[in-house]
């Protein structure tokens, strides 16, 4: 939180309880829901959507960018006997009202600075772009494209390419998409969609803002977060010691419009229990 504050991010505590219909970005099966006086409510399953609603209601007339930070609890329904936590801490920032690669670079730099300030040494930040993925599948109907993206969010590339072919995408276009989604690092230079250039610019700008030691800016179009509201540059933090991303985020320019405030935004969330595992495995005491 000190690192977030050093970049000008102000703490905000969103409500712990939301109307279930307001938390539309999370699968209802992942929500912990209950009835209160006839209303279907849910314990906060996602901080970004909660902050988007608060900004739309309280700061609708605000001018310029809003820099907000949080360290709060998230509640998710999990299957029994899997050892997963239904309640865990999440820390992050939301940059609301700023568009372009410089804003994307800022949140990447804040994230990397915060992790290194804690002493985390072994990590990589993989950076993708949802817009580039959408451009790879241009020509599909809206329903077919959402089916493809749904499979990609679930990391099922085989079904994604099958759905693309069934939706009418030519064999050459399917092969092109397959090559692009398997490209990583310098291989991304050969991906010829406009948004891929935006991805490279964001990484370059972020490296200028924070030139830390870890290998943290690796282009990888197969980075597609599970939450569906992302629209542009996205990223995940990978630790060799933990089997899931310890942080994730990106641009979500259409989310606030759902709550009546059409403003661009980007941000990230750190899963604190996973971060703790990575720190301990990295030698932190």
Protein backbone atom coordinates (compact mmCIF):
# COMPACT_ATOMS: atom_id res chain seq x y z
CA UNK A 1 0.00 0.00 0.00
CA UNK A 2 2.96 2.34 0.59
CA UNK A 3 4.13 1.69 -2.98
CA UNK A 4 0.64 2.37 -4.34
CA UNK A 5 0.54 5.61 -2.37
CA UNK A 6 3.92 6.70 -3.72
CA UNK A 7 2.34 6.72 -7.20
CA UNK A 8 -0.59 8.81 -5.99
CA UNK A 9 -3.16 6.02 -5.51
CA UNK A 10 -5.69 6.76 -2.75
CA UNK A 11 -7.17 3.90 -0.65
CA UNK A 12 -10.84 3.06 -1.21
CA UNK A 13 -12.83 0.42 0.66
CA UNK A 14 -15.73 -0.82 -1.51
CA UNK A 15 -18.82 -2.38 0.12
CA UNK A 16 -18.55 -6.04 1.16
CA UNK A 17 -22.11 -6.78 -0.01
CA UNK A 18 -23.41 -6.18 -3.53
CA UNK A 19 -26.67 -6.77 -5.32
CA UNK A 20 -26.16 -10.08 -7.14
CA UNK A 21 -27.23 -8.54 -10.45
CA UNK A 22 -24.52 -5.85 -10.07
CA UNK A 23 -21.73 -8.44 -9.99
CA UNK A 24 -22.38 -9.47 -13.58
CA UNK A 25 -18.75 -10.18 -14.48
CA UNK A 26 -18.45 -13.23 -12.23
CA UNK A 27 -20.12 -16.56 -12.93
CA UNK A 28 -23.11 -16.81 -10.57
CA UNK A 29 -21.89 -20.25 -9.52
CA UNK A 30 -18.82 -18.53 -8.01
CA UNK A 31 -20.87 -16.09 -5.93
CA UNK A 32 -21.76 -16.57 -2.26
CA UNK A 33 -25.37 -15.37 -2.41
CA UNK A 34 -28.16 -14.85 0.13
CA UNK A 35 -31.57 -13.22 0.42
CA UNK A 36 -32.26 -10.09 2.44
CA UNK A 37 -35.77 -8.56 2.50
CA UNK A 38 -36.49 -10.07 -0.88
CA UNK A 39 -33.26 -8.89 -2.54
CA UNK A 40 -30.70 -11.38 -3.84
CA UNK A 41 -27.34 -10.20 -2.51
CA UNK A 42 -23.78 -11.51 -2.82
CA UNK A 43 -20.60 -11.15 -0.82
CA UNK A 44 -18.14 -9.18 -2.97
CA UNK A 45 -16.80 -11.65 -5.58
CA UNK A 46 -14.68 -9.11 -7.49
CA UNK A 47 -13.15 -5.81 -6.38
CA UNK A 48 -12.91 -4.22 -9.83
CA UNK A 49 -16.65 -4.37 -10.50
CA UNK A 50 -17.39 -3.09 -6.97
CA UNK A 51 -15.08 -0.11 -7.46
CA UNK A 52 -16.52 0.54 -10.95
CA UNK A 53 -20.00 0.83 -9.42
CA UNK A 54 -18.78 3.09 -6.60
CA UNK A 55 -16.98 5.38 -9.07
CA UNK A 56 -20.05 5.54 -11.33
CA UNK A 57 -22.29 6.48 -8.39
CA UNK A 58 -20.06 8.75 -6.30
CA UNK A 59 -17.58 10.23 -8.76
CA UNK A 60 -19.60 10.45 -11.97
CA UNK A 61 -18.71 14.15 -12.42
CA UNK A 62 -15.02 13.80 -11.50
CA UNK A 63 -12.60 15.37 -13.97
CA UNK A 64 -9.33 13.77 -14.98
CA UNK A 65 -7.96 10.43 -13.83
CA UNK A 66 -8.87 8.75 -10.54
CA UNK A 67 -6.12 6.66 -8.92
CA UNK A 68 -7.62 4.27 -6.38
CA UNK A 69 -6.02 1.46 -4.35
CA UNK A 70 -7.33 -1.23 -2.03
CA UNK A 71 -6.37 -4.05 0.31
CA UNK A 72 -9.57 -5.93 0.99
CA UNK A 73 -11.35 -9.27 1.01
CA UNK A 74 -12.82 -11.23 -1.91
CA UNK A 75 -15.38 -14.02 -1.52
CA UNK A 76 -15.67 -16.81 -4.09
CA UNK A 77 -17.64 -20.05 -4.00
CA UNK A 78 -15.35 -23.06 -4.44
CA UNK A 79 -16.01 -26.75 -4.80
CA UNK A 80 -15.64 -28.79 -1.64
CA UNK A 81 -12.53 -30.89 -1.02
CA UNK A 82 -10.34 -28.82 -3.39
CA UNK A 83 -8.46 -26.97 -0.68
CA UNK A 84 -9.35 -23.60 -2.19
CA UNK A 85 -10.16 -20.59 -0.03
CA UNK A 86 -13.61 -19.01 -0.22
CA UNK A 87 -12.36 -15.84 1.50
CA UNK A 88 -8.98 -14.28 0.72
CA UNK A 89 -7.26 -10.91 0.67
CA UNK A 90 -6.60 -9.05 -2.56
CA UNK A 91 -4.53 -5.89 -3.06
CA UNK A 92 -4.48 -3.72 -6.16
CA UNK A 93 -5.07 -0.45 -7.95
CA UNK A 94 -7.60 0.95 -10.43
CA UNK A 95 -6.68 3.82 -12.77
CA UNK A 96 -10.00 5.26 -13.98
CA UNK A 97 -10.35 7.89 -16.71
CA UNK A 98 -6.97 7.38 -18.41
CA UNK A 99 -6.56 5.68 -21.78
CA UNK A 100 -3.60 4.81 -23.97
CA UNK A 101 -0.41 2.82 -23.57
CA UNK A 102 1.10 5.23 -21.04
CA UNK A 103 -1.73 4.43 -18.59
CA UNK A 104 -1.26 0.71 -19.24
CA UNK A 105 2.47 1.14 -18.66
CA UNK A 106 1.83 2.98 -15.38
CA UNK A 107 -0.12 0.14 -13.78
CA UNK A 108 2.46 -2.39 -15.00
CA UNK A 109 5.20 -0.32 -13.39
CA UNK A 110 3.24 0.07 -10.13
CA UNK A 111 2.68 -3.68 -9.99
CA UNK A 112 6.32 -4.54 -10.60
CA UNK A 113 7.53 -1.91 -8.13
CA UNK A 114 5.17 -3.20 -5.42
CA UNK A 115 6.30 -6.82 -5.85
CA UNK A 116 9.99 -5.98 -5.79
CA UNK A 117 9.48 -3.69 -2.76
CA UNK A 118 8.25 -6.78 -0.90
CA UNK A 119 11.41 -8.68 -1.84
CA UNK A 120 9.96 -10.96 -4.51
CA UNK A 121 12.76 -11.84 -6.93
CA UNK A 122 11.62 -14.77 -9.05
CA UNK A 123 8.68 -13.71 -11.19
CA UNK A 124 7.70 -12.93 -14.76
CA UNK A 125 4.99 -10.60 -16.01
CA UNK A 126 3.38 -12.03 -19.15
CA UNK A 127 1.56 -9.36 -21.20
CA UNK A 128 -1.21 -9.99 -23.75
CA UNK A 129 -3.89 -7.97 -25.53
CA UNK A 130 -7.57 -8.92 -25.76
CA UNK A 131 -8.02 -6.54 -28.70
CA UNK A 132 -5.32 -8.38 -30.64
CA UNK A 133 -7.02 -11.72 -29.94
CA UNK A 134 -10.34 -10.34 -31.16
CA UNK A 135 -8.64 -9.09 -34.34
CA UNK A 136 -7.27 -12.57 -34.99
CA UNK A 137 -10.84 -13.89 -35.10
CA UNK A 138 -12.41 -11.02 -37.06
CA UNK A 139 -15.21 -12.17 -39.35
CA UNK A 140 -16.93 -14.40 -36.80
CA UNK A 141 -20.40 -13.50 -35.61
CA UNK A 142 -20.65 -11.98 -32.13
CA UNK A 143 -21.96 -15.27 -30.69
CA UNK A 144 -19.24 -17.34 -32.36
CA UNK A 145 -16.53 -14.94 -31.17
CA UNK A 146 -17.81 -15.07 -27.57
CA UNK A 147 -17.79 -18.88 -27.76
CA UNK A 148 -14.16 -18.80 -28.90
CA UNK A 149 -13.19 -16.34 -26.17
CA UNK A 150 -14.99 -18.42 -23.57
CA UNK A 151 -12.85 -21.45 -24.47
CA UNK A 152 -9.69 -19.33 -24.44
CA UNK A 153 -10.55 -17.95 -20.98
CA UNK A 154 -10.81 -21.56 -19.82
CA UNK A 155 -7.39 -22.27 -21.44
CA UNK A 156 -8.99 -24.74 -23.86
CA UNK A 157 -7.34 -23.79 -27.15
CA UNK A 158 -8.38 -26.95 -28.96
CA UNK A 159 -12.08 -26.23 -28.47
CA UNK A 160 -11.48 -22.55 -29.26
CA UNK A 161 -10.05 -23.34 -32.69
CA UNK A 162 -12.80 -25.89 -33.34
CA UNK A 163 -15.41 -23.25 -32.50
CA UNK A 164 -13.67 -20.76 -34.81
CA UNK A 165 -13.71 -23.23 -37.69
CA UNK A 166 -17.34 -24.13 -37.01
CA UNK A 167 -18.15 -20.42 -37.02
CA UNK A 168 -16.84 -20.05 -40.56
CA UNK A 169 -13.24 -18.90 -40.04
CA UNK A 170 -11.09 -20.14 -42.92
CA UNK A 171 -8.45 -22.80 -42.37
CA UNK A 172 -5.68 -20.28 -43.11
CA UNK A 173 -7.10 -17.82 -40.56
CA UNK A 174 -7.36 -20.58 -37.94
CA UNK A 175 -3.71 -21.53 -38.54
CA UNK A 176 -2.72 -17.85 -38.29
CA UNK A 177 -4.55 -17.52 -34.97
CA UNK A 178 -2.96 -20.73 -33.69
CA UNK A 179 0.54 -19.42 -34.51
CA UNK A 180 -0.18 -16.03 -32.92
CA UNK A 181 -1.51 -17.53 -29.69
CA UNK A 182 1.54 -19.76 -29.39
CA UNK A 183 3.96 -16.87 -29.98
CA UNK A 184 5.85 -15.62 -26.94
CA UNK A 185 8.63 -13.13 -26.45
CA UNK A 186 10.22 -11.99 -29.72
CA UNK A 187 7.87 -14.27 -31.66
CA UNK A 188 5.17 -11.65 -31.11
CA UNK A 189 6.97 -9.40 -33.63
CA UNK A 190 5.52 -11.51 -36.45
CA UNK A 191 1.88 -11.10 -35.34
CA UNK A 192 0.43 -8.70 -37.91
CA UNK A 193 -2.62 -7.23 -36.17
CA UNK A 194 -2.76 -3.54 -35.14
CA UNK A 195 -3.27 -4.18 -31.43
CA UNK A 196 -0.03 -6.20 -31.25
CA UNK A 197 1.87 -2.93 -31.83
CA UNK A 198 -0.03 -1.36 -28.90
CA UNK A 199 1.04 -4.30 -26.74
CA UNK A 200 4.70 -3.78 -27.61
CA UNK A 201 4.45 -0.02 -26.96
CA UNK A 202 2.94 -0.59 -23.51
CA UNK A 203 5.76 -2.96 -22.52
CA UNK A 204 8.41 -0.55 -23.82
CA UNK A 205 6.90 2.38 -21.90
CA UNK A 206 6.57 0.32 -18.72
CA UNK A 207 10.23 -0.66 -18.89
CA UNK A 208 11.13 3.02 -19.09
CA UNK A 209 9.00 3.76 -16.00
CA UNK A 210 10.38 0.81 -14.02
CA UNK A 211 13.64 -0.78 -15.15
CA UNK A 212 13.81 -3.50 -12.52
CA UNK A 213 15.80 -6.71 -12.71
CA UNK A 214 13.10 -9.42 -13.08
CA UNK A 215 12.07 -10.60 -16.53
CA UNK A 216 8.69 -8.96 -16.26
CA UNK A 217 7.63 -7.82 -19.74
CA UNK A 218 7.14 -10.90 -21.89
CA UNK A 219 4.63 -10.51 -24.77
CA UNK A 220 2.25 -13.47 -24.83
CA UNK A 221 -1.13 -13.32 -26.60
CA UNK A 222 -2.30 -16.50 -24.87
CA UNK A 223 -2.69 -14.46 -21.64
CA UNK A 224 -6.48 -14.19 -21.44
CA UNK A 225 -7.84 -13.63 -17.90
CA UNK A 226 -10.90 -15.58 -16.79
CA UNK A 227 -12.99 -12.47 -16.09
CA UNK A 228 -14.76 -11.31 -19.28
CA UNK A 229 -14.65 -7.52 -18.98
CA UNK A 230 -11.10 -6.92 -20.25
CA UNK A 231 -10.76 -5.07 -23.57
CA UNK A 232 -7.09 -4.24 -24.20
CA UNK A 233 -3.66 -4.87 -22.67
CA UNK A 234 -3.83 -7.66 -20.05
CA UNK A 235 -1.17 -9.29 -17.90
CA UNK A 236 -0.44 -12.00 -15.36
CA UNK A 237 2.38 -12.39 -12.84
CA UNK A 238 3.89 -15.87 -12.84
CA UNK A 239 6.04 -17.27 -10.06
CA UNK A 240 7.98 -20.55 -10.57
CA UNK A 241 6.96 -21.56 -7.05
CA UNK A 242 3.16 -21.18 -7.37
CA UNK A 243 0.82 -23.03 -9.72
CA UNK A 244 -1.47 -20.07 -10.47
CA UNK A 245 -0.93 -16.38 -11.34
CA UNK A 246 -0.19 -14.37 -8.20
CA UNK A 247 -1.53 -11.20 -9.84
CA UNK A 248 -3.53 -10.29 -12.93
CA UNK A 249 -5.13 -7.28 -14.53
CA UNK A 250 -5.48 -5.10 -17.60
CA UNK A 251 -7.66 -2.62 -19.42
CA UNK A 252 -11.46 -2.74 -19.06
CA UNK A 253 -12.82 0.24 -21.00
CA UNK A 254 -16.47 -0.87 -21.14
CA UNK A 255 -17.12 -1.96 -17.56
CA UNK A 256 -18.01 1.44 -16.08
CA UNK A 257 -20.53 2.05 -18.87
CA UNK A 258 -22.64 -0.78 -17.37
CA UNK A 259 -23.11 1.42 -14.32
CA UNK A 260 -23.83 4.61 -16.26
CA UNK A 261 -20.32 6.16 -16.36
CA UNK A 262 -18.59 5.47 -19.66
CA UNK A 263 -14.92 5.95 -18.75
CA UNK A 264 -11.76 4.05 -19.72
CA UNK A 265 -9.99 2.18 -16.93
CA UNK A 266 -7.18 -0.23 -16.17
CA UNK A 267 -5.82 -1.90 -13.04
CA UNK A 268 -4.68 -5.09 -11.36
CA UNK A 269 -5.30 -7.33 -8.38
CA UNK A 270 -2.74 -9.31 -6.34
CA UNK A 271 -3.90 -12.55 -4.69
CA UNK A 272 -2.25 -12.04 -1.31
CA UNK A 273 -2.20 -15.74 -0.20
CA UNK A 274 -0.48 -16.75 -3.47
CA UNK A 275 1.93 -13.84 -3.15
CA UNK A 276 2.77 -15.00 0.37
CA UNK A 277 3.48 -18.52 -0.90
CA UNK A 278 5.76 -17.12 -3.60
CA UNK A 279 7.61 -14.88 -1.12
CA UNK A 280 8.23 -17.72 1.34
CA UNK A 281 9.39 -20.06 -1.45
CA UNK A 282 11.67 -17.26 -2.68
CA UNK A 283 13.47 -17.16 0.66
CA UNK A 284 11.52 -14.43 2.48
CA UNK A 285 11.32 -14.74 6.28
